[in-house]
Amino acid sequence: MDQQKLKNVLKQALIEQQTPPVKKPKRTPVFIVIIICLVVFGVQYSTTLFSSDSATGPYGKIILPSTGSVTGKDVNVTGETKNLESGQYIWLAVDKPDLGLCWPKATRIKANTRFKTTIYEGGPKEPYTLSLYAVTKTVNDQWQEWLEKEMHGGVPMPPDKRRLDSVRLVLGEMVTATKNW
């Protein structure tokens, strides 16, 4: 075989062993619109998707009454809880942090719902703290027994990490408008 033929055979073999060139796909308008939508969605929701805020962790809020409200002995409470795992029991309690005690309020609240209830607060006419707690079964059972036995002394406050929310209120005279004719 002459040298020229050998070169041609080797050249042909090298060409056959090469990988074919990759064709670039065309960017269609639909493809571009999909990419833009994904980017916009990612920017808008990235902070909530990857954060540890109330959207993913246990959450509770006392909506009404708001901090600073003057209440009577019957207190209408509106709130909500979210993202609570089973085995957590939701209670409202009046806290006295200076004593390390709280007074659970009947009745226990259903987890992961909006709620509306009325509690009775018969303490002295002074500021007080109303807290929303997510407690363990042990604490739940102790509080339930405390209520059933109608005890008057407080019970030890749960750790702060069990408090979902709290509001500072003032127990006072509720003023109602009356007309004098």
N, C-alpha and C. Protein backbone atom coordinates (compact mmCIF):
# COMPACT_ATOMS: atom_id res chain seq x y z
N MET A 1 0.85 -1.15 0.00
CA MET A 1 0.00 0.00 0.00
C MET A 1 0.91 1.23 0.00
N ASP A 2 0.56 2.12 -0.83
CA ASP A 2 1.42 3.27 -0.90
C ASP A 2 1.10 4.25 0.21
N GLN A 3 1.94 5.17 0.36
CA GLN A 3 1.86 6.10 1.48
C GLN A 3 0.61 6.98 1.42
N GLN A 4 0.22 7.41 0.26
CA GLN A 4 -0.95 8.26 0.10
C GLN A 4 -2.21 7.51 0.51
N LYS A 5 -2.34 6.25 0.08
CA LYS A 5 -3.51 5.45 0.44
C LYS A 5 -3.56 5.23 1.94
N LEU A 6 -2.40 4.97 2.52
CA LEU A 6 -2.33 4.76 3.97
C LEU A 6 -2.79 6.01 4.72
N LYS A 7 -2.36 7.17 4.27
CA LYS A 7 -2.78 8.42 4.89
C LYS A 7 -4.29 8.58 4.79
N ASN A 8 -4.84 8.30 3.63
CA ASN A 8 -6.29 8.43 3.43
C ASN A 8 -7.07 7.46 4.31
N VAL A 9 -6.58 6.21 4.43
CA VAL A 9 -7.25 5.21 5.28
C VAL A 9 -7.19 5.66 6.74
N LEU A 10 -6.06 6.14 7.18
CA LEU A 10 -5.93 6.60 8.57
C LEU A 10 -6.82 7.83 8.81
N LYS A 11 -6.83 8.74 7.85
CA LYS A 11 -7.66 9.93 7.97
C LYS A 11 -9.13 9.55 8.06
N GLN A 12 -9.56 8.62 7.21
CA GLN A 12 -10.96 8.16 7.22
C GLN A 12 -11.29 7.48 8.55
N ALA A 13 -10.37 6.69 9.08
CA ALA A 13 -10.60 6.01 10.37
C ALA A 13 -10.74 7.02 11.49
N LEU A 14 -9.92 8.06 11.50
CA LEU A 14 -9.99 9.09 12.53
C LEU A 14 -11.32 9.86 12.43
N ILE A 15 -11.77 10.14 11.21
CA ILE A 15 -13.03 10.86 11.02
C ILE A 15 -14.20 10.01 11.53
N GLU A 16 -14.17 8.72 11.27
CA GLU A 16 -15.25 7.83 11.70
C GLU A 16 -15.28 7.69 13.22
N GLN A 17 -14.15 7.81 13.89
CA GLN A 17 -14.08 7.67 15.35
C GLN A 17 -14.45 8.94 16.09
N GLN A 18 -14.53 10.04 15.39
CA GLN A 18 -14.89 11.31 16.01
C GLN A 18 -16.35 11.29 16.45
N THR A 19 -16.64 12.02 17.53
CA THR A 19 -18.04 12.18 17.94
C THR A 19 -18.66 13.24 17.05
N PRO A 20 -19.92 13.02 16.69
CA PRO A 20 -20.55 14.00 15.80
C PRO A 20 -20.73 15.33 16.53
N PRO A 21 -20.73 16.42 15.81
CA PRO A 21 -20.93 17.72 16.46
C PRO A 21 -22.33 17.79 17.08
N VAL A 22 -22.39 18.44 18.24
CA VAL A 22 -23.66 18.57 18.97
C VAL A 22 -24.42 19.74 18.36
N LYS A 23 -25.66 19.45 18.00
CA LYS A 23 -26.50 20.51 17.45
C LYS A 23 -27.12 21.29 18.60
N LYS A 24 -27.08 22.59 18.51
CA LYS A 24 -27.70 23.44 19.52
C LYS A 24 -29.20 23.46 19.27
N PRO A 25 -29.99 23.18 20.34
CA PRO A 25 -31.44 23.26 20.14
C PRO A 25 -31.87 24.71 19.99
N LYS A 26 -32.89 24.89 19.19
CA LYS A 26 -33.42 26.24 18.99
C LYS A 26 -34.23 26.64 20.22
N ARG A 27 -34.12 27.88 20.62
CA ARG A 27 -34.89 28.41 21.74
C ARG A 27 -36.22 28.92 21.20
N THR A 28 -37.26 28.15 21.45
CA THR A 28 -38.58 28.56 20.98
C THR A 28 -39.17 29.56 21.95
N PRO A 29 -40.11 30.38 21.49
CA PRO A 29 -40.75 31.35 22.40
C PRO A 29 -41.42 30.69 23.60
N VAL A 30 -42.01 29.53 23.44
CA VAL A 30 -42.66 28.83 24.56
C VAL A 30 -41.62 28.45 25.61
N PHE A 31 -40.47 27.95 25.15
CA PHE A 31 -39.40 27.57 26.05
C PHE A 31 -38.92 28.79 26.84
N ILE A 32 -38.76 29.90 26.17
CA ILE A 32 -38.30 31.14 26.83
C ILE A 32 -39.32 31.62 27.86
N VAL A 33 -40.61 31.55 27.53
CA VAL A 33 -41.66 31.97 28.48
C VAL A 33 -41.64 31.07 29.71
N ILE A 34 -41.47 29.76 29.53
CA ILE A 34 -41.41 28.82 30.66
C ILE A 34 -40.22 29.16 31.57
N ILE A 35 -39.08 29.43 30.99
CA ILE A 35 -37.89 29.77 31.78
C ILE A 35 -38.13 31.06 32.57
N ILE A 36 -38.71 32.06 31.94
CA ILE A 36 -38.99 33.33 32.62
C ILE A 36 -39.95 33.10 33.79
N CYS A 37 -40.99 32.29 33.58
CA CYS A 37 -41.95 32.00 34.67
C CYS A 37 -41.26 31.30 35.83
N LEU A 38 -40.39 30.34 35.54
CA LEU A 38 -39.68 29.63 36.60
C LEU A 38 -38.77 30.57 37.39
N VAL A 39 -38.11 31.47 36.69
CA VAL A 39 -37.24 32.43 37.38
C VAL A 39 -38.06 33.36 38.27
N VAL A 40 -39.17 33.88 37.76
CA VAL A 40 -40.01 34.77 38.55
C VAL A 40 -40.55 34.03 39.77
N PHE A 41 -41.04 32.81 39.59
CA PHE A 41 -41.54 32.01 40.71
C PHE A 41 -40.45 31.78 41.75
N GLY A 42 -39.26 31.44 41.28
CA GLY A 42 -38.14 31.18 42.19
C GLY A 42 -37.76 32.40 43.00
N VAL A 43 -37.73 33.56 42.37
CA VAL A 43 -37.38 34.80 43.08
C VAL A 43 -38.46 35.16 44.09
N GLN A 44 -39.72 35.00 43.69
CA GLN A 44 -40.82 35.39 44.57
C GLN A 44 -40.93 34.49 45.79
N TYR A 45 -40.74 33.19 45.63
CA TYR A 45 -40.99 32.25 46.72
C TYR A 45 -39.74 31.67 47.35
N SER A 46 -38.56 32.04 46.91
CA SER A 46 -37.36 31.44 47.46
C SER A 46 -37.18 31.74 48.93
N THR A 47 -37.57 32.92 49.39
CA THR A 47 -37.37 33.25 50.81
C THR A 47 -38.30 32.44 51.69
N THR A 48 -39.52 32.14 51.23
CA THR A 48 -40.43 31.36 52.06
C THR A 48 -40.18 29.88 51.93
N LEU A 49 -39.68 29.43 50.79
CA LEU A 49 -39.44 28.00 50.62
C LEU A 49 -38.26 27.52 51.46
N PHE A 50 -37.28 28.38 51.68
CA PHE A 50 -36.06 27.94 52.34
C PHE A 50 -35.82 28.62 53.67
N SER A 51 -36.84 29.15 54.29
CA SER A 51 -36.67 29.80 55.58
C SER A 51 -37.34 28.97 56.66
N SER A 52 -37.03 29.28 57.91
CA SER A 52 -37.63 28.56 59.02
C SER A 52 -38.62 29.46 59.74
N ASP A 53 -39.45 30.16 58.98
CA ASP A 53 -40.41 31.06 59.61
C ASP A 53 -41.70 30.32 59.91
N SER A 54 -42.77 31.07 60.18
CA SER A 54 -44.03 30.46 60.57
C SER A 54 -44.64 29.59 59.50
N ALA A 55 -44.18 29.69 58.27
CA ALA A 55 -44.75 28.86 57.22
C ALA A 55 -44.34 27.41 57.40
N THR A 56 -43.23 27.15 58.08
CA THR A 56 -42.78 25.77 58.20
C THR A 56 -42.71 25.29 59.64
N GLY A 57 -42.51 26.16 60.60
CA GLY A 57 -42.39 25.74 61.98
C GLY A 57 -43.70 25.90 62.72
N PRO A 58 -43.75 25.42 63.97
CA PRO A 58 -44.98 25.61 64.76
C PRO A 58 -45.31 27.09 64.87
N TYR A 59 -46.58 27.40 64.72
CA TYR A 59 -47.01 28.80 64.71
C TYR A 59 -48.30 28.94 65.48
N GLY A 60 -48.37 29.98 66.29
CA GLY A 60 -49.60 30.31 67.00
C GLY A 60 -49.67 31.81 67.19
N LYS A 61 -50.87 32.35 67.10
CA LYS A 61 -51.05 33.80 67.20
C LYS A 61 -52.35 34.10 67.93
N ILE A 62 -52.28 35.00 68.91
CA ILE A 62 -53.47 35.56 69.53
C ILE A 62 -53.79 36.80 68.71
N ILE A 63 -54.89 36.76 67.98
CA ILE A 63 -55.26 37.88 67.10
C ILE A 63 -55.98 38.96 67.90
N LEU A 64 -56.92 38.55 68.71
CA LEU A 64 -57.66 39.47 69.59
C LEU A 64 -57.79 38.84 70.96
N PRO A 65 -57.69 39.57 72.01
CA PRO A 65 -57.44 41.00 72.09
C PRO A 65 -55.98 41.31 71.77
N SER A 66 -55.74 42.54 71.38
CA SER A 66 -54.38 42.96 71.06
C SER A 66 -53.70 43.49 72.32
N THR A 67 -52.40 43.50 72.28
CA THR A 67 -51.61 43.99 73.42
C THR A 67 -52.07 45.39 73.82
N GLY A 68 -52.24 45.60 75.13
CA GLY A 68 -52.64 46.90 75.66
C GLY A 68 -54.14 47.04 75.85
N SER A 69 -54.92 46.06 75.37
CA SER A 69 -56.38 46.14 75.50
C SER A 69 -56.79 46.05 76.97
N VAL A 70 -57.84 46.78 77.31
CA VAL A 70 -58.45 46.67 78.63
C VAL A 70 -59.57 45.64 78.51
N THR A 71 -59.57 44.67 79.41
CA THR A 71 -60.57 43.61 79.35
C THR A 71 -61.41 43.59 80.61
N GLY A 72 -62.54 42.96 80.49
CA GLY A 72 -63.34 42.64 81.66
C GLY A 72 -62.93 41.27 82.15
N LYS A 73 -63.71 40.70 83.04
CA LYS A 73 -63.40 39.37 83.55
C LYS A 73 -63.63 38.29 82.49
N ASP A 74 -64.62 38.50 81.60
CA ASP A 74 -64.84 37.59 80.48
C ASP A 74 -64.08 38.16 79.28
N VAL A 75 -63.12 37.38 78.78
CA VAL A 75 -62.24 37.85 77.71
C VAL A 75 -62.47 37.00 76.47
N ASN A 76 -62.94 37.65 75.40
CA ASN A 76 -63.11 36.96 74.12
C ASN A 76 -61.76 36.91 73.43
N VAL A 77 -61.34 35.69 73.07
CA VAL A 77 -60.02 35.49 72.47
C VAL A 77 -60.19 34.85 71.09
N THR A 78 -59.53 35.44 70.10
CA THR A 78 -59.50 34.89 68.75
C THR A 78 -58.04 34.65 68.39
N GLY A 79 -57.78 33.53 67.76
CA GLY A 79 -56.40 33.22 67.38
C GLY A 79 -56.34 32.11 66.36
N GLU A 80 -55.12 31.65 66.11
CA GLU A 80 -54.92 30.55 65.18
C GLU A 80 -53.63 29.82 65.51
N THR A 81 -53.59 28.56 65.12
CA THR A 81 -52.36 27.76 65.24
C THR A 81 -52.16 27.02 63.93
N LYS A 82 -50.89 26.78 63.58
CA LYS A 82 -50.53 26.08 62.34
C LYS A 82 -49.29 25.25 62.58
N ASN A 83 -49.13 24.23 61.76
CA ASN A 83 -47.91 23.42 61.68
C ASN A 83 -47.52 22.76 63.00
N LEU A 84 -48.52 22.41 63.81
CA LEU A 84 -48.22 21.74 65.07
C LEU A 84 -48.32 20.23 64.86
N GLU A 85 -47.33 19.51 65.35
CA GLU A 85 -47.31 18.06 65.21
C GLU A 85 -48.27 17.43 66.20
N SER A 86 -48.66 16.19 65.91
CA SER A 86 -49.53 15.49 66.86
C SER A 86 -48.75 15.30 68.16
N GLY A 87 -49.47 15.24 69.25
CA GLY A 87 -48.82 15.12 70.56
C GLY A 87 -48.57 16.47 71.21
N GLN A 88 -48.99 17.55 70.57
CA GLN A 88 -48.90 18.87 71.17
C GLN A 88 -50.32 19.33 71.49
N TYR A 89 -50.49 19.90 72.67
CA TYR A 89 -51.80 20.31 73.14
C TYR A 89 -51.80 21.82 73.33
N ILE A 90 -52.84 22.47 72.84
CA ILE A 90 -52.86 23.94 72.79
C ILE A 90 -53.73 24.47 73.93
N TRP A 91 -53.15 25.40 74.69
CA TRP A 91 -53.82 26.00 75.84
C TRP A 91 -53.58 27.50 75.86
N LEU A 92 -54.55 28.21 76.43
CA LEU A 92 -54.37 29.60 76.82
C LEU A 92 -54.10 29.60 78.32
N ALA A 93 -53.23 30.46 78.77
CA ALA A 93 -52.94 30.56 80.21
C ALA A 93 -52.57 32.00 80.53
N VAL A 94 -52.90 32.41 81.74
CA VAL A 94 -52.47 33.72 82.24
C VAL A 94 -51.18 33.49 83.01
N ASP A 95 -50.13 34.20 82.59
CA ASP A 95 -48.80 34.05 83.19
C ASP A 95 -48.52 35.11 84.23
N LYS A 96 -47.80 34.71 85.25
CA LYS A 96 -47.21 35.62 86.22
C LYS A 96 -45.71 35.29 86.26
N PRO A 97 -44.94 35.85 85.30
CA PRO A 97 -43.52 35.50 85.21
C PRO A 97 -42.74 35.77 86.48
N ASP A 98 -43.11 36.83 87.22
CA ASP A 98 -42.38 37.14 88.46
C ASP A 98 -42.55 36.04 89.49
N LEU A 99 -43.65 35.27 89.41
CA LEU A 99 -43.87 34.15 90.31
C LEU A 99 -43.47 32.81 89.69
N GLY A 100 -43.26 32.81 88.36
CA GLY A 100 -42.96 31.56 87.66
C GLY A 100 -44.18 30.66 87.55
N LEU A 101 -45.37 31.26 87.68
CA LEU A 101 -46.61 30.48 87.67
C LEU A 101 -47.54 30.94 86.54
N CYS A 102 -48.44 30.05 86.17
CA CYS A 102 -49.48 30.41 85.21
C CYS A 102 -50.79 29.75 85.64
N TRP A 103 -51.88 30.26 85.09
CA TRP A 103 -53.22 29.76 85.37
C TRP A 103 -53.85 29.33 84.05
N PRO A 104 -53.86 28.01 83.77
CA PRO A 104 -54.46 27.52 82.53
C PRO A 104 -55.94 27.90 82.46
N LYS A 105 -56.39 28.18 81.25
CA LYS A 105 -57.79 28.59 81.05
C LYS A 105 -58.51 27.52 80.25
N ALA A 106 -59.70 27.17 80.72
CA ALA A 106 -60.52 26.19 80.00
C ALA A 106 -61.05 26.85 78.74
N THR A 107 -61.21 26.19 77.71
CA THR A 107 -60.95 24.80 77.44
C THR A 107 -59.76 24.67 76.52
N ARG A 108 -59.24 23.45 76.41
CA ARG A 108 -58.11 23.23 75.52
C ARG A 108 -58.54 23.57 74.10
N ILE A 109 -57.62 24.06 73.29
CA ILE A 109 -57.89 24.51 71.92
C ILE A 109 -57.43 23.44 70.94
N LYS A 110 -58.21 23.24 69.90
CA LYS A 110 -57.85 22.28 68.86
C LYS A 110 -56.66 22.84 68.06
N ALA A 111 -55.68 21.99 67.81
CA ALA A 111 -54.47 22.41 67.09
C ALA A 111 -54.75 22.61 65.61
N ASN A 112 -53.94 23.46 65.00
CA ASN A 112 -53.95 23.70 63.55
C ASN A 112 -55.29 24.23 63.04
N THR A 113 -55.87 25.15 63.81
CA THR A 113 -57.14 25.76 63.42
C THR A 113 -57.15 27.24 63.83
N ARG A 114 -58.14 27.95 63.31
CA ARG A 114 -58.47 29.28 63.86
C ARG A 114 -59.42 29.00 65.01
N PHE A 115 -59.33 29.78 66.06
CA PHE A 115 -60.20 29.53 67.20
C PHE A 115 -60.78 30.83 67.74
N LYS A 116 -61.90 30.66 68.41
CA LYS A 116 -62.57 31.76 69.10
C LYS A 116 -63.09 31.15 70.39
N THR A 117 -62.72 31.73 71.51
CA THR A 117 -63.16 31.21 72.79
C THR A 117 -63.27 32.36 73.78
N THR A 118 -63.89 32.11 74.90
CA THR A 118 -63.99 33.09 75.98
C THR A 118 -63.37 32.49 77.22
N ILE A 119 -62.47 33.25 77.83
CA ILE A 119 -61.86 32.80 79.09
C ILE A 119 -62.34 33.73 80.20
N TYR A 120 -62.22 33.25 81.42
CA TYR A 120 -62.56 34.06 82.59
C TYR A 120 -61.27 34.41 83.30
N GLU A 121 -61.06 35.69 83.56
CA GLU A 121 -59.89 36.13 84.32
C GLU A 121 -60.37 36.89 85.54
N GLY A 122 -60.21 36.26 86.69
CA GLY A 122 -60.71 36.85 87.92
C GLY A 122 -59.63 37.39 88.83
N GLY A 123 -58.45 37.63 88.29
CA GLY A 123 -57.36 38.14 89.11
C GLY A 123 -57.54 39.61 89.45
N PRO A 124 -56.52 40.19 90.09
CA PRO A 124 -56.60 41.61 90.46
C PRO A 124 -56.64 42.50 89.22
N LYS A 125 -57.21 43.68 89.40
CA LYS A 125 -57.33 44.63 88.28
C LYS A 125 -55.98 45.29 88.04
N GLU A 126 -55.18 44.59 87.26
CA GLU A 126 -53.84 45.05 86.93
C GLU A 126 -53.43 44.40 85.61
N PRO A 127 -52.32 44.84 85.04
CA PRO A 127 -51.86 44.21 83.79
C PRO A 127 -51.57 42.72 84.00
N TYR A 128 -51.86 41.95 82.96
CA TYR A 128 -51.56 40.52 82.99
C TYR A 128 -51.15 40.06 81.60
N THR A 129 -50.51 38.89 81.54
CA THR A 129 -50.05 38.33 80.27
C THR A 129 -50.87 37.10 79.94
N LEU A 130 -51.49 37.11 78.77
CA LEU A 130 -52.23 35.96 78.26
C LEU A 130 -51.34 35.29 77.22
N SER A 131 -51.03 34.00 77.43
CA SER A 131 -50.13 33.29 76.53
C SER A 131 -50.84 32.12 75.86
N LEU A 132 -50.37 31.79 74.68
CA LEU A 132 -50.83 30.64 73.91
C LEU A 132 -49.69 29.63 73.92
N TYR A 133 -49.96 28.44 74.49
CA TYR A 133 -48.92 27.42 74.65
C TYR A 133 -49.23 26.17 73.83
N ALA A 134 -48.16 25.52 73.37
CA ALA A 134 -48.23 24.17 72.81
C ALA A 134 -47.45 23.30 73.80
N VAL A 135 -48.15 22.46 74.56
CA VAL A 135 -47.51 21.69 75.63
C VAL A 135 -47.53 20.20 75.32
N THR A 136 -46.73 19.46 76.08
CA THR A 136 -46.65 18.01 75.93
C THR A 136 -47.86 17.35 76.59
N LYS A 137 -48.01 16.07 76.36
CA LYS A 137 -49.12 15.32 76.96
C LYS A 137 -49.02 15.36 78.49
N THR A 138 -47.84 15.26 79.04
CA THR A 138 -47.67 15.30 80.49
C THR A 138 -48.20 16.61 81.07
N VAL A 139 -47.80 17.73 80.49
CA VAL A 139 -48.26 19.04 80.98
C VAL A 139 -49.77 19.16 80.75
N ASN A 140 -50.24 18.72 79.59
CA ASN A 140 -51.67 18.76 79.29
C ASN A 140 -52.46 18.02 80.38
N ASP A 141 -52.02 16.83 80.72
CA ASP A 141 -52.72 16.04 81.74
C ASP A 141 -52.70 16.73 83.10
N GLN A 142 -51.56 17.35 83.46
CA GLN A 142 -51.46 18.07 84.73
C GLN A 142 -52.42 19.26 84.74
N TRP A 143 -52.47 20.01 83.65
CA TRP A 143 -53.35 21.18 83.58
C TRP A 143 -54.81 20.76 83.60
N GLN A 144 -55.13 19.68 82.91
CA GLN A 144 -56.51 19.19 82.89
C GLN A 144 -56.95 18.79 84.30
N GLU A 145 -56.07 18.09 85.02
CA GLU A 145 -56.36 17.69 86.40
C GLU A 145 -56.51 18.92 87.29
N TRP A 146 -55.65 19.91 87.12
CA TRP A 146 -55.70 21.15 87.89
C TRP A 146 -57.07 21.81 87.70
N LEU A 147 -57.55 21.87 86.45
CA LEU A 147 -58.86 22.48 86.19
C LEU A 147 -60.00 21.66 86.80
N GLU A 148 -59.92 20.33 86.67
CA GLU A 148 -60.98 19.46 87.18
C GLU A 148 -61.09 19.55 88.70
N LYS A 149 -59.96 19.73 89.37
CA LYS A 149 -59.97 19.82 90.84
C LYS A 149 -60.23 21.24 91.31
N GLU A 150 -60.41 22.18 90.37
CA GLU A 150 -60.70 23.58 90.67
C GLU A 150 -59.70 24.17 91.66
N MET A 151 -58.43 23.94 91.39
CA MET A 151 -57.38 24.48 92.24
C MET A 151 -57.25 25.98 91.96
N HIS A 152 -56.79 26.72 92.95
CA HIS A 152 -56.70 28.17 92.79
C HIS A 152 -55.27 28.64 92.64
N GLY A 153 -54.30 27.96 93.23
CA GLY A 153 -52.90 28.34 93.07
C GLY A 153 -52.45 28.02 91.66
N GLY A 154 -51.51 28.76 91.15
CA GLY A 154 -51.04 28.54 89.79
C GLY A 154 -50.21 27.27 89.67
N VAL A 155 -49.87 26.96 88.44
CA VAL A 155 -49.00 25.83 88.13
C VAL A 155 -47.71 26.39 87.53
N PRO A 156 -46.61 25.64 87.59
CA PRO A 156 -45.36 26.15 87.01
C PRO A 156 -45.52 26.47 85.52
N MET A 157 -44.95 27.59 85.12
CA MET A 157 -45.00 27.99 83.71
C MET A 157 -44.16 27.03 82.87
N PRO A 158 -44.66 26.69 81.68
CA PRO A 158 -43.83 25.86 80.77
C PRO A 158 -42.62 26.66 80.29
N PRO A 159 -41.63 25.98 79.73
CA PRO A 159 -40.47 26.71 79.17
C PRO A 159 -40.91 27.67 78.07
N ASP A 160 -40.14 28.73 77.90
CA ASP A 160 -40.47 29.75 76.89
C ASP A 160 -40.66 29.17 75.50
N LYS A 161 -39.91 28.10 75.17
CA LYS A 161 -40.02 27.54 73.83
C LYS A 161 -41.40 26.94 73.55
N ARG A 162 -42.18 26.71 74.60
CA ARG A 162 -43.54 26.19 74.45
C ARG A 162 -44.56 27.30 74.20
N ARG A 163 -44.15 28.55 74.42
CA ARG A 163 -45.06 29.69 74.22
C ARG A 163 -45.07 30.05 72.74
N LEU A 164 -46.25 29.98 72.12
CA LEU A 164 -46.38 30.34 70.72
C LEU A 164 -46.59 31.84 70.55
N ASP A 165 -47.29 32.46 71.51
CA ASP A 165 -47.56 33.89 71.44
C ASP A 165 -48.04 34.36 72.81
N SER A 166 -47.97 35.65 73.04
CA SER A 166 -48.53 36.22 74.27
C SER A 166 -48.90 37.67 74.02
N VAL A 167 -49.86 38.15 74.79
CA VAL A 167 -50.27 39.55 74.73
C VAL A 167 -50.36 40.07 76.16
N ARG A 168 -50.01 41.32 76.33
CA ARG A 168 -50.09 41.98 77.64
C ARG A 168 -51.41 42.75 77.67
N LEU A 169 -52.25 42.45 78.63
CA LEU A 169 -53.58 43.04 78.75
C LEU A 169 -53.75 43.70 80.11
N VAL A 170 -54.81 44.49 80.22
CA VAL A 170 -55.11 45.15 81.49
C VAL A 170 -56.51 44.75 81.90
N LEU A 171 -56.62 44.17 83.09
CA LEU A 171 -57.94 43.83 83.63
C LEU A 171 -58.50 45.09 84.28
N GLY A 172 -59.64 45.51 83.82
CA GLY A 172 -60.23 46.72 84.35
C GLY A 172 -61.72 46.72 84.12
N GLU A 173 -62.32 47.83 84.37
CA GLU A 173 -63.76 47.99 84.15
C GLU A 173 -64.01 48.17 82.67
N MET A 174 -64.90 47.39 82.14
CA MET A 174 -65.31 47.57 80.75
C MET A 174 -66.36 48.67 80.75
N VAL A 175 -66.11 49.72 80.00
CA VAL A 175 -67.02 50.87 79.96
C VAL A 175 -67.99 50.68 78.81
N THR A 176 -69.28 50.78 79.11
CA THR A 176 -70.29 50.71 78.05
C THR A 176 -71.02 52.03 78.01
N ALA A 177 -71.33 52.45 76.83
CA ALA A 177 -72.01 53.74 76.65
C ALA A 177 -73.49 53.59 76.99
N THR A 178 -74.00 54.49 77.77
CA THR A 178 -75.43 54.51 78.08
C THR A 178 -75.96 55.91 77.82
N LYS A 179 -77.20 55.97 77.45
CA LYS A 179 -77.82 57.28 77.20
C LYS A 179 -78.67 57.67 78.40
N ASN A 180 -78.51 58.88 78.83
CA ASN A 180 -79.37 59.41 79.90
C ASN A 180 -80.37 60.36 79.26
N TRP A 181 -81.63 60.05 79.33
CA TRP A 181 -82.67 60.88 78.70
C TRP A 181 -83.19 61.86 79.64
